[in-house]
Protein backbone atom coordinates (compact mmCIF):
# COMPACT_ATOMS: atom_id res chain seq x y z
CA UNK A 1 129.23 -4.85 217.43
CA UNK A 2 129.33 -6.49 214.03
CA UNK A 3 126.76 -9.14 213.02
CA UNK A 4 127.83 -12.07 210.93
CA UNK A 5 125.60 -13.09 208.01
CA UNK A 6 125.59 -16.73 209.11
CA UNK A 7 124.31 -15.90 212.63
CA UNK A 8 120.68 -17.26 212.73
CA UNK A 9 119.69 -14.94 215.58
CA UNK A 10 120.46 -11.86 213.51
CA UNK A 11 117.97 -10.39 211.05
CA UNK A 12 119.86 -9.47 207.95
CA UNK A 13 118.53 -6.33 206.27
CA UNK A 14 119.88 -5.98 202.81
CA UNK A 15 118.31 -4.20 199.83
CA UNK A 16 116.64 -7.40 198.51
CA UNK A 17 115.00 -8.27 201.86
CA UNK A 18 113.96 -4.68 202.48
CA UNK A 19 112.43 -4.39 199.00
CA UNK A 20 110.53 -7.70 199.42
CA UNK A 21 109.23 -6.70 202.86
CA UNK A 22 108.19 -3.27 201.60
CA UNK A 23 106.37 -4.82 198.64
CA UNK A 24 104.48 -7.13 200.99
CA UNK A 25 103.41 -4.23 203.18
CA UNK A 26 102.26 -2.24 200.15
CA UNK A 27 100.30 -5.23 198.81
CA UNK A 28 98.59 -5.83 202.15
CA UNK A 29 97.87 -2.15 202.58
CA UNK A 30 96.35 -1.92 199.09
CA UNK A 31 94.01 -4.82 199.85
CA UNK A 32 92.78 -3.13 203.01
CA UNK A 33 94.28 -5.69 205.40
CA UNK A 34 96.30 -3.06 207.24
CA UNK A 35 93.44 -0.57 207.39
CA UNK A 36 90.82 -0.65 210.14
CA UNK A 37 87.67 -2.59 209.29
CA UNK A 38 84.79 -0.43 208.10
CA UNK A 39 81.27 -1.18 206.92
CA UNK A 40 80.87 -1.10 203.19
CA UNK A 41 77.78 0.51 201.69
CA UNK A 42 75.34 -2.22 200.70
CA UNK A 43 73.02 -1.23 197.86
CA UNK A 44 69.35 -2.25 198.19
CA UNK A 45 68.31 -5.31 196.22
CA UNK A 46 66.20 -4.39 193.22
CA UNK A 47 63.09 -6.44 192.47
CA UNK A 48 63.52 -8.69 189.45
CA UNK A 49 61.13 -8.66 186.49
CA UNK A 50 58.72 -11.56 186.93
CA UNK A 51 59.54 -11.93 190.60
CA UNK A 52 56.05 -10.92 191.72
CA UNK A 53 54.32 -13.50 189.49
CA UNK A 54 51.58 -15.28 191.47
CA UNK A 55 52.41 -13.32 194.62
CA UNK A 56 49.33 -11.15 194.99
CA UNK A 57 46.92 -14.08 194.72
CA UNK A 58 48.71 -15.76 197.65
CA UNK A 59 49.95 -12.77 199.66
CA UNK A 60 50.26 -13.76 203.27
CA UNK A 61 51.14 -17.42 202.68
CA UNK A 62 51.37 -19.23 206.02
CA UNK A 63 54.67 -19.69 207.85
CA UNK A 64 55.50 -23.37 207.43
CA UNK A 65 58.30 -25.76 208.38
CA UNK A 66 58.49 -26.90 204.74
CA UNK A 67 56.50 -26.71 201.52
CA UNK A 68 54.99 -30.06 200.55
CA UNK A 69 57.17 -33.09 201.12
CA UNK A 70 60.39 -31.08 200.81
CA UNK A 71 63.68 -32.50 199.62
CA UNK A 72 65.29 -29.32 198.23
CA UNK A 73 66.25 -26.12 200.06
CA UNK A 74 65.80 -22.43 199.25
CA UNK A 75 67.99 -20.27 201.49
CA UNK A 76 69.55 -16.85 201.78
CA UNK A 77 70.31 -13.92 204.06
CA UNK A 78 68.45 -10.65 204.55
CA UNK A 79 70.56 -7.58 205.35
CA UNK A 80 69.67 -3.94 205.76
CA UNK A 81 70.67 -1.78 202.82
CA UNK A 82 73.42 0.65 203.73
CA UNK A 83 75.28 -0.95 206.61
CA UNK A 84 74.55 -4.64 205.86
CA UNK A 85 73.25 -5.45 209.34
CA UNK A 86 71.52 -8.88 209.37
CA UNK A 87 67.77 -8.52 209.87
CA UNK A 88 66.13 -11.06 212.16
CA UNK A 89 62.43 -11.92 212.24
CA UNK A 90 61.81 -10.88 208.62
CA UNK A 91 59.18 -12.75 206.62
CA UNK A 92 60.27 -14.41 203.38
CA UNK A 93 57.64 -15.96 201.12
CA UNK A 94 58.71 -18.67 198.68
CA UNK A 95 56.87 -20.37 195.84
CA UNK A 96 57.69 -22.35 192.71
CA UNK A 97 56.49 -24.81 190.08
CA UNK A 98 57.49 -28.15 191.62
CA UNK A 99 57.00 -31.88 191.20
CA UNK A 100 54.05 -31.48 193.63
CA UNK A 101 52.23 -28.47 192.18
CA UNK A 102 52.16 -25.44 189.92
CA UNK A 103 53.55 -22.13 191.14
CA UNK A 104 50.07 -20.58 191.31
CA UNK A 105 48.75 -23.36 193.59
CA UNK A 106 48.40 -22.38 197.25
CA UNK A 107 50.09 -25.67 198.24
CA UNK A 108 53.24 -24.49 196.40
CA UNK A 109 53.54 -21.37 198.59
CA UNK A 110 54.98 -20.99 202.06
CA UNK A 111 56.80 -18.49 204.24
CA UNK A 112 59.55 -18.52 206.84
CA UNK A 113 61.23 -16.01 209.17
CA UNK A 114 64.87 -15.01 209.24
CA UNK A 115 66.94 -16.06 212.26
CA UNK A 116 69.14 -13.82 214.45
CA UNK A 117 71.78 -13.77 211.68
CA UNK A 118 69.26 -12.72 209.01
CA UNK A 119 69.39 -16.20 207.45
CA UNK A 120 66.37 -18.07 206.14
CA UNK A 121 65.98 -21.64 204.96
CA UNK A 122 62.88 -23.39 203.69
CA UNK A 123 62.68 -26.93 202.41
CA UNK A 124 60.50 -27.48 199.36
CA UNK A 125 59.88 -30.06 196.62
CA UNK A 126 62.13 -30.20 193.57
CA UNK A 127 61.59 -27.26 191.24
CA UNK A 128 60.80 -28.23 187.66
CA UNK A 129 60.95 -26.05 184.55
CA UNK A 130 57.97 -23.95 183.55
CA UNK A 131 58.21 -21.74 180.47
CA UNK A 132 61.51 -23.54 179.76
CA UNK A 133 63.28 -22.42 182.95
CA UNK A 134 63.60 -24.02 186.38
CA UNK A 135 63.04 -21.07 188.72
CA UNK A 136 61.69 -20.15 192.11
CA UNK A 137 60.15 -17.01 193.53
CA UNK A 138 61.04 -15.22 196.75
CA UNK A 139 59.39 -12.20 198.28
CA UNK A 140 60.65 -10.15 201.17
CA UNK A 141 57.30 -8.97 202.44
CA UNK A 142 57.58 -8.14 206.14
CA UNK A 143 56.18 -4.67 205.64
CA UNK A 144 59.00 -3.12 207.69
CA UNK A 145 60.89 -2.23 204.50
CA UNK A 146 60.00 -2.05 200.80
CA UNK A 147 58.92 -5.42 199.35
CA UNK A 148 61.46 -7.14 197.12
CA UNK A 149 60.64 -9.90 194.64
CA UNK A 150 63.29 -12.23 193.28
CA UNK A 151 63.03 -14.88 190.57
CA UNK A 152 66.25 -16.88 190.61
CA UNK A 153 66.67 -19.08 187.53
CA UNK A 154 68.73 -22.24 187.98
CA UNK A 155 71.01 -23.84 185.42
CA UNK A 156 69.30 -27.17 186.00
CA UNK A 157 66.26 -28.53 187.84
CA UNK A 158 68.77 -30.55 189.89
CA UNK A 159 70.32 -27.36 191.40
């Protein structure tokens, strides 16, 4: 049986179509879309210089619904190094220099726990620059794994 090129029910395989289809398959295969999903190795987060500032004086800050009057949010996700599994119930301590207090003030410190997806979120007052940089401090300090201190610097106090 001979297929006519104008028959819509017939798939026409010529060199151009075959080359285009093959290129698409190669592109998808190269990006991993045709390969089975596999866990990528997640490197442990390294503590940042200056991240532990004011931590030891306020280690064990209370778990709170928000720091001060709130208005801004500090959030993130905690995952296990290696396989990237979200870690629930992990304690995250947060502190910063804000419109309501200096970063070393106890009232500028608070902690929260990660949810079942490893996510945390804590409302806090607006961070304002100290030493020329608007920045916050976070500490993973559950004790189950090595403590990690982060000191994210923002482009603007409005971030």
